[in-house]
N, C-alpha and C. Protein backbone atom coordinates (compact mmCIF):
# COMPACT_ATOMS: atom_id res chain seq x y z
N MET A 1 -79.78 39.54 51.40
CA MET A 1 -81.00 39.58 50.63
C MET A 1 -82.14 39.10 51.50
N ALA A 2 -82.97 40.00 51.92
CA ALA A 2 -84.11 39.62 52.77
C ALA A 2 -85.23 39.01 51.96
N GLU A 3 -85.47 39.52 50.75
CA GLU A 3 -86.53 39.00 49.91
C GLU A 3 -86.11 37.71 49.22
N LEU A 4 -87.08 36.82 49.04
CA LEU A 4 -86.83 35.57 48.33
C LEU A 4 -86.54 35.82 46.84
N ALA A 5 -87.17 36.86 46.29
CA ALA A 5 -86.97 37.23 44.91
C ALA A 5 -87.01 38.77 44.81
N GLY A 6 -86.18 39.30 43.94
CA GLY A 6 -86.19 40.74 43.77
C GLY A 6 -85.10 41.19 42.84
N TYR A 7 -84.89 42.51 42.81
CA TYR A 7 -83.83 43.09 42.01
C TYR A 7 -83.30 44.35 42.66
N ASP A 8 -82.10 44.72 42.30
CA ASP A 8 -81.52 45.97 42.70
C ASP A 8 -80.49 46.37 41.63
N TYR A 9 -79.82 47.47 41.88
CA TYR A 9 -78.90 48.02 40.88
C TYR A 9 -77.51 48.17 41.47
N PHE A 10 -76.50 48.11 40.57
CA PHE A 10 -75.14 48.38 41.02
C PHE A 10 -74.50 49.33 40.01
N ASP A 11 -73.51 50.08 40.49
CA ASP A 11 -72.86 51.09 39.70
C ASP A 11 -71.92 50.48 38.68
N VAL A 12 -72.04 50.99 37.47
CA VAL A 12 -71.11 50.66 36.38
C VAL A 12 -70.84 51.97 35.66
N GLU A 13 -69.59 52.23 35.31
CA GLU A 13 -69.27 53.49 34.66
C GLU A 13 -70.08 53.65 33.37
N ALA A 14 -70.86 54.76 33.31
CA ALA A 14 -71.65 55.15 32.15
C ALA A 14 -72.85 54.27 31.81
N ASP A 15 -73.03 53.17 32.55
CA ASP A 15 -74.15 52.28 32.31
C ASP A 15 -74.83 51.93 33.65
N VAL A 16 -75.75 51.01 33.64
CA VAL A 16 -76.40 50.57 34.87
C VAL A 16 -76.31 49.05 34.97
N GLY A 17 -75.91 48.58 36.15
CA GLY A 17 -75.91 47.13 36.40
C GLY A 17 -77.18 46.74 37.08
N VAL A 18 -77.74 45.60 36.66
CA VAL A 18 -78.96 45.07 37.23
C VAL A 18 -78.63 43.70 37.84
N HIS A 19 -79.00 43.53 39.10
CA HIS A 19 -78.80 42.30 39.83
C HIS A 19 -80.17 41.80 40.22
N ALA A 20 -80.46 40.55 39.94
CA ALA A 20 -81.77 39.96 40.28
C ALA A 20 -81.58 38.57 40.84
N TRP A 21 -82.53 38.15 41.67
CA TRP A 21 -82.41 36.82 42.28
C TRP A 21 -83.81 36.24 42.48
N GLY A 22 -83.83 34.92 42.65
CA GLY A 22 -85.07 34.25 42.94
C GLY A 22 -84.85 32.79 43.32
N PRO A 23 -85.89 32.12 43.80
CA PRO A 23 -85.76 30.71 44.19
C PRO A 23 -85.63 29.77 42.98
N THR A 24 -85.99 30.26 41.80
CA THR A 24 -85.81 29.50 40.55
C THR A 24 -85.11 30.39 39.54
N ARG A 25 -84.49 29.76 38.57
CA ARG A 25 -83.83 30.55 37.51
C ARG A 25 -84.89 31.37 36.74
N ALA A 26 -86.07 30.78 36.52
CA ALA A 26 -87.12 31.53 35.83
C ALA A 26 -87.53 32.77 36.59
N GLU A 27 -87.64 32.69 37.89
CA GLU A 27 -87.98 33.86 38.69
C GLU A 27 -86.86 34.91 38.65
N ALA A 28 -85.60 34.46 38.69
CA ALA A 28 -84.48 35.43 38.62
C ALA A 28 -84.48 36.14 37.27
N PHE A 29 -84.75 35.41 36.17
CA PHE A 29 -84.81 36.03 34.86
C PHE A 29 -85.99 37.03 34.79
N ALA A 30 -87.13 36.65 35.35
CA ALA A 30 -88.30 37.55 35.36
C ALA A 30 -87.99 38.80 36.14
N ARG A 31 -87.35 38.68 37.30
CA ARG A 31 -87.00 39.85 38.10
C ARG A 31 -85.97 40.72 37.43
N ALA A 32 -85.05 40.11 36.71
CA ALA A 32 -84.05 40.90 35.93
C ALA A 32 -84.76 41.73 34.86
N ALA A 33 -85.72 41.10 34.15
CA ALA A 33 -86.46 41.87 33.13
C ALA A 33 -87.24 43.03 33.76
N LEU A 34 -87.91 42.73 34.89
CA LEU A 34 -88.66 43.79 35.55
C LEU A 34 -87.74 44.92 36.02
N GLY A 35 -86.57 44.52 36.54
CA GLY A 35 -85.60 45.53 37.01
C GLY A 35 -85.14 46.42 35.88
N VAL A 36 -84.89 45.85 34.72
CA VAL A 36 -84.46 46.64 33.57
C VAL A 36 -85.57 47.55 33.11
N LEU A 37 -86.79 46.99 32.96
CA LEU A 37 -87.93 47.80 32.50
C LEU A 37 -88.33 48.87 33.50
N ALA A 38 -88.09 48.63 34.81
CA ALA A 38 -88.42 49.61 35.83
C ALA A 38 -87.52 50.85 35.73
N LEU A 39 -86.37 50.71 35.10
CA LEU A 39 -85.50 51.91 34.88
C LEU A 39 -86.23 52.90 33.94
N ALA A 40 -87.02 52.36 33.03
CA ALA A 40 -87.72 53.21 32.03
C ALA A 40 -89.03 53.75 32.57
N ILE A 41 -89.85 52.87 33.20
CA ILE A 41 -91.13 53.26 33.78
C ILE A 41 -91.36 52.46 35.07
N THR A 42 -91.64 53.15 36.16
CA THR A 42 -91.83 52.49 37.44
C THR A 42 -93.05 51.56 37.38
N PRO A 43 -92.84 50.27 37.69
CA PRO A 43 -93.96 49.32 37.53
C PRO A 43 -95.13 49.59 38.45
N GLU A 44 -94.91 50.20 39.60
CA GLU A 44 -95.99 50.45 40.56
C GLU A 44 -97.10 51.34 39.96
N GLY A 45 -96.75 52.21 38.97
CA GLY A 45 -97.72 53.05 38.35
C GLY A 45 -98.41 52.47 37.14
N VAL A 46 -98.12 51.19 36.85
CA VAL A 46 -98.66 50.55 35.66
C VAL A 46 -99.75 49.53 36.05
N GLU A 47 -100.82 49.52 35.29
CA GLU A 47 -101.87 48.54 35.50
C GLU A 47 -101.67 47.34 34.58
N ALA A 48 -101.88 46.15 35.10
CA ALA A 48 -101.73 44.92 34.31
C ALA A 48 -103.03 44.63 33.57
N ARG A 49 -103.30 45.44 32.53
CA ARG A 49 -104.56 45.30 31.76
C ARG A 49 -104.40 44.46 30.50
N GLU A 50 -103.17 44.36 29.99
CA GLU A 50 -102.92 43.62 28.75
C GLU A 50 -101.67 42.79 28.94
N SER A 51 -101.40 41.89 28.00
CA SER A 51 -100.18 41.13 28.07
C SER A 51 -99.54 41.02 26.69
N ARG A 52 -98.21 40.76 26.71
CA ARG A 52 -97.45 40.58 25.50
C ARG A 52 -96.55 39.35 25.73
N GLU A 53 -96.47 38.51 24.74
CA GLU A 53 -95.59 37.35 24.82
C GLU A 53 -94.17 37.74 24.36
N VAL A 54 -93.18 37.19 25.03
CA VAL A 54 -91.79 37.41 24.64
C VAL A 54 -91.11 36.05 24.61
N ARG A 55 -90.43 35.80 23.50
CA ARG A 55 -89.63 34.58 23.36
C ARG A 55 -88.20 34.98 22.99
N ALA A 56 -87.24 34.18 23.42
CA ALA A 56 -85.86 34.43 23.07
C ALA A 56 -85.08 33.11 23.11
N GLN A 57 -83.94 33.14 22.47
CA GLN A 57 -83.03 31.97 22.54
C GLN A 57 -81.59 32.47 22.65
N GLY A 58 -80.76 31.56 23.09
CA GLY A 58 -79.35 31.88 23.23
C GLY A 58 -78.50 30.61 23.26
N ASP A 59 -77.23 30.73 23.02
CA ASP A 59 -76.33 29.60 23.02
C ASP A 59 -75.87 29.18 24.41
N SER A 60 -76.11 30.06 25.41
CA SER A 60 -75.74 29.80 26.79
C SER A 60 -76.77 30.54 27.65
N LEU A 61 -76.73 30.28 28.95
CA LEU A 61 -77.67 30.99 29.83
C LEU A 61 -77.41 32.50 29.80
N GLU A 62 -76.13 32.89 29.68
CA GLU A 62 -75.78 34.31 29.66
C GLU A 62 -76.29 34.98 28.41
N THR A 63 -76.08 34.37 27.24
CA THR A 63 -76.59 34.97 26.01
C THR A 63 -78.11 34.90 25.94
N LEU A 64 -78.71 33.90 26.56
CA LEU A 64 -80.16 33.80 26.64
C LEU A 64 -80.72 34.94 27.45
N LEU A 65 -80.10 35.23 28.60
CA LEU A 65 -80.54 36.34 29.44
C LEU A 65 -80.49 37.66 28.68
N VAL A 66 -79.36 37.93 28.04
CA VAL A 66 -79.22 39.19 27.27
C VAL A 66 -80.23 39.28 26.14
N SER A 67 -80.41 38.18 25.40
CA SER A 67 -81.39 38.16 24.32
C SER A 67 -82.80 38.40 24.85
N PHE A 68 -83.14 37.75 25.94
CA PHE A 68 -84.46 37.92 26.57
C PHE A 68 -84.70 39.38 26.99
N ILE A 69 -83.74 39.97 27.66
CA ILE A 69 -83.88 41.35 28.11
C ILE A 69 -84.06 42.29 26.89
N ASN A 70 -83.29 42.05 25.83
CA ASN A 70 -83.40 42.87 24.65
C ASN A 70 -84.74 42.70 23.96
N GLU A 71 -85.31 41.49 23.99
CA GLU A 71 -86.66 41.30 23.43
C GLU A 71 -87.71 42.06 24.29
N CYS A 72 -87.55 42.04 25.58
CA CYS A 72 -88.45 42.79 26.48
C CYS A 72 -88.34 44.28 26.20
N LEU A 73 -87.14 44.76 26.00
CA LEU A 73 -86.91 46.18 25.66
C LEU A 73 -87.57 46.53 24.34
N TYR A 74 -87.51 45.61 23.37
CA TYR A 74 -88.15 45.85 22.09
C TYR A 74 -89.66 46.06 22.27
N VAL A 75 -90.29 45.19 23.04
CA VAL A 75 -91.76 45.34 23.28
C VAL A 75 -92.04 46.69 23.95
N HIS A 76 -91.19 47.06 24.92
CA HIS A 76 -91.37 48.33 25.60
C HIS A 76 -91.22 49.50 24.63
N GLU A 77 -90.13 49.52 23.88
CA GLU A 77 -89.78 50.65 23.02
C GLU A 77 -90.64 50.71 21.77
N ILE A 78 -90.70 49.65 21.02
CA ILE A 78 -91.37 49.64 19.71
C ILE A 78 -92.88 49.59 19.85
N GLU A 79 -93.39 48.77 20.79
CA GLU A 79 -94.83 48.67 20.96
C GLU A 79 -95.37 49.68 21.95
N GLY A 80 -94.49 50.42 22.64
CA GLY A 80 -94.93 51.43 23.61
C GLY A 80 -95.67 50.80 24.77
N PHE A 81 -95.08 49.73 25.31
CA PHE A 81 -95.75 48.95 26.36
C PHE A 81 -95.05 49.12 27.71
N ALA A 82 -95.81 49.57 28.70
CA ALA A 82 -95.30 49.70 30.07
C ALA A 82 -95.59 48.40 30.82
N VAL A 83 -94.63 47.94 31.62
CA VAL A 83 -94.75 46.62 32.24
C VAL A 83 -94.91 46.72 33.77
N ARG A 84 -95.89 45.97 34.25
CA ARG A 84 -96.14 45.87 35.69
C ARG A 84 -95.51 44.60 36.24
N ARG A 85 -95.63 43.49 35.52
CA ARG A 85 -95.17 42.19 36.00
C ARG A 85 -94.65 41.36 34.84
N VAL A 86 -93.67 40.50 35.13
CA VAL A 86 -93.11 39.60 34.14
C VAL A 86 -93.23 38.16 34.69
N ASP A 87 -93.84 37.30 33.89
CA ASP A 87 -93.93 35.88 34.24
C ASP A 87 -93.18 35.06 33.21
N VAL A 88 -92.24 34.26 33.67
CA VAL A 88 -91.52 33.34 32.79
C VAL A 88 -92.16 31.98 32.99
N ASP A 89 -92.75 31.44 31.89
CA ASP A 89 -93.43 30.13 32.02
C ASP A 89 -92.62 29.00 31.46
N THR A 90 -91.66 29.25 30.57
CA THR A 90 -90.78 28.21 30.08
C THR A 90 -89.34 28.74 30.04
N LEU A 91 -88.42 27.96 30.61
CA LEU A 91 -87.03 28.37 30.55
C LEU A 91 -86.17 27.11 30.52
N SER A 92 -85.40 26.97 29.44
CA SER A 92 -84.46 25.87 29.33
C SER A 92 -83.07 26.49 29.24
N GLU A 93 -82.07 25.67 28.92
CA GLU A 93 -80.74 26.18 28.78
C GLU A 93 -80.60 27.17 27.60
N ARG A 94 -81.47 27.05 26.60
CA ARG A 94 -81.35 27.82 25.39
C ARG A 94 -82.59 28.59 24.94
N LEU A 95 -83.72 28.36 25.58
CA LEU A 95 -84.99 28.97 25.19
C LEU A 95 -85.73 29.55 26.38
N ILE A 96 -86.45 30.66 26.12
CA ILE A 96 -87.28 31.23 27.16
C ILE A 96 -88.60 31.70 26.54
N HIS A 97 -89.68 31.54 27.25
CA HIS A 97 -90.98 32.11 26.86
C HIS A 97 -91.52 32.79 28.10
N SER A 98 -91.98 34.04 27.90
CA SER A 98 -92.52 34.78 29.06
C SER A 98 -93.70 35.61 28.60
N VAL A 99 -94.38 36.15 29.61
CA VAL A 99 -95.51 37.04 29.35
C VAL A 99 -95.26 38.31 30.14
N LEU A 100 -95.34 39.45 29.44
CA LEU A 100 -95.24 40.76 30.09
C LEU A 100 -96.65 41.24 30.33
N HIS A 101 -96.97 41.64 31.57
CA HIS A 101 -98.29 42.18 31.92
C HIS A 101 -98.15 43.68 32.15
N GLY A 102 -99.03 44.42 31.51
CA GLY A 102 -98.98 45.88 31.66
C GLY A 102 -100.02 46.55 30.78
N GLU A 103 -99.64 47.72 30.23
CA GLU A 103 -100.56 48.48 29.44
C GLU A 103 -99.78 49.41 28.49
N PRO A 104 -100.47 49.93 27.47
CA PRO A 104 -99.80 50.89 26.59
C PRO A 104 -99.30 52.10 27.40
N ILE A 105 -98.13 52.60 27.01
CA ILE A 105 -97.57 53.74 27.71
C ILE A 105 -98.49 54.96 27.56
N ASP A 106 -98.80 55.59 28.69
CA ASP A 106 -99.62 56.81 28.72
C ASP A 106 -98.77 57.87 29.43
N LEU A 107 -98.20 58.78 28.66
CA LEU A 107 -97.27 59.75 29.25
C LEU A 107 -97.94 60.66 30.29
N ALA A 108 -99.25 60.72 30.28
CA ALA A 108 -99.95 61.52 31.32
C ALA A 108 -99.86 60.81 32.65
N ARG A 109 -99.75 59.49 32.64
CA ARG A 109 -99.70 58.70 33.89
C ARG A 109 -98.36 58.05 34.16
N HIS A 110 -97.62 57.72 33.11
CA HIS A 110 -96.34 57.03 33.29
C HIS A 110 -95.22 58.01 33.03
N SER A 111 -94.47 58.36 34.09
CA SER A 111 -93.38 59.26 33.87
C SER A 111 -92.18 58.48 33.34
N ALA A 112 -91.63 58.99 32.26
CA ALA A 112 -90.50 58.31 31.63
C ALA A 112 -89.26 58.49 32.49
N GLY A 113 -88.51 57.42 32.64
CA GLY A 113 -87.28 57.45 33.42
C GLY A 113 -86.10 57.39 32.49
N THR A 114 -85.23 56.45 32.76
CA THR A 114 -83.99 56.26 31.97
C THR A 114 -84.32 55.58 30.64
N VAL A 115 -83.69 56.04 29.59
CA VAL A 115 -83.83 55.34 28.30
C VAL A 115 -82.78 54.22 28.29
N VAL A 116 -83.29 53.00 28.25
CA VAL A 116 -82.40 51.84 28.20
C VAL A 116 -82.25 51.39 26.77
N LYS A 117 -81.01 51.44 26.28
CA LYS A 117 -80.77 51.10 24.86
C LYS A 117 -80.74 49.60 24.64
N ALA A 118 -79.97 48.88 25.48
CA ALA A 118 -79.84 47.44 25.28
C ALA A 118 -79.12 46.78 26.45
N ALA A 119 -79.38 45.48 26.61
CA ALA A 119 -78.58 44.69 27.53
C ALA A 119 -77.32 44.30 26.82
N THR A 120 -76.21 44.17 27.56
CA THR A 120 -74.95 43.83 26.95
C THR A 120 -74.39 42.54 27.57
N LEU A 121 -73.43 41.94 26.91
CA LEU A 121 -72.76 40.77 27.44
C LEU A 121 -71.69 41.11 28.47
N HIS A 122 -71.42 42.40 28.63
CA HIS A 122 -70.38 42.83 29.57
C HIS A 122 -70.78 42.48 30.99
N GLY A 123 -70.01 41.62 31.65
CA GLY A 123 -70.22 41.31 33.06
C GLY A 123 -71.46 40.46 33.34
N VAL A 124 -72.06 39.88 32.35
CA VAL A 124 -73.26 39.08 32.55
C VAL A 124 -72.92 37.79 33.31
N SER A 125 -73.76 37.41 34.27
CA SER A 125 -73.56 36.11 34.97
C SER A 125 -74.89 35.53 35.36
N VAL A 126 -74.96 34.20 35.33
CA VAL A 126 -76.12 33.46 35.75
C VAL A 126 -75.59 32.30 36.63
N ILE A 127 -75.84 32.40 37.92
CA ILE A 127 -75.31 31.39 38.84
C ILE A 127 -76.38 30.92 39.83
N GLU A 128 -76.11 29.81 40.46
CA GLU A 128 -76.96 29.34 41.59
C GLU A 128 -76.05 29.11 42.78
N ASN A 129 -76.47 29.61 43.91
CA ASN A 129 -75.69 29.47 45.14
C ASN A 129 -76.65 29.20 46.29
N ALA A 130 -76.52 28.03 46.91
CA ALA A 130 -77.36 27.69 48.06
C ALA A 130 -78.86 27.81 47.77
N GLY A 131 -79.28 27.37 46.56
CA GLY A 131 -80.68 27.39 46.22
C GLY A 131 -81.22 28.71 45.75
N ILE A 132 -80.39 29.73 45.69
CA ILE A 132 -80.81 31.02 45.16
C ILE A 132 -80.19 31.24 43.77
N HIS A 133 -81.03 31.53 42.82
CA HIS A 133 -80.53 31.83 41.49
C HIS A 133 -80.26 33.31 41.38
N ASP A 134 -79.07 33.62 40.90
CA ASP A 134 -78.58 35.00 40.91
C ASP A 134 -78.13 35.37 39.51
N VAL A 135 -78.66 36.49 38.98
CA VAL A 135 -78.25 36.95 37.68
C VAL A 135 -77.80 38.39 37.75
N ARG A 136 -76.81 38.72 36.94
CA ARG A 136 -76.31 40.09 36.85
C ARG A 136 -76.08 40.42 35.37
N LEU A 137 -76.41 41.66 35.04
CA LEU A 137 -76.12 42.11 33.68
C LEU A 137 -75.99 43.62 33.70
N VAL A 138 -75.40 44.13 32.62
CA VAL A 138 -75.21 45.56 32.46
C VAL A 138 -76.05 46.03 31.25
N VAL A 139 -76.78 47.11 31.46
CA VAL A 139 -77.55 47.66 30.35
C VAL A 139 -76.94 48.99 29.93
N ASP A 140 -76.95 49.20 28.65
CA ASP A 140 -76.46 50.43 28.01
C ASP A 140 -77.57 51.47 28.10
N VAL A 141 -77.26 52.58 28.74
CA VAL A 141 -78.29 53.66 28.89
C VAL A 141 -77.86 54.96 28.18
């Protein structure tokens, strides 16, 4: 991993795996959300003109991650919001608060990619190794 923070994808039969990392757990969660939302609409083509708050809770870091990603997907799908950047400002063992920066989806400018149905608990992990926070999850597409 050359970048201090980022995301990439791994193969999972019939679904997509998202791997994200960062120097803090909050950054890793933010990159995971961006990685999932980038499957639907490439962030580089989105302007950060508006913001949406996202809150979630979970009984563990793993369920918190899945709940958070699903709340982000809700904002994308139901509110028609394309995301450029994700900032996580509060993250505890059970609660997360973040801000999605982007704009309403404009199909003339934003080409639709993969339809992401939901994040799943299958294969989800949240770990720290040598100061790098690493998260993995599988999304149903």
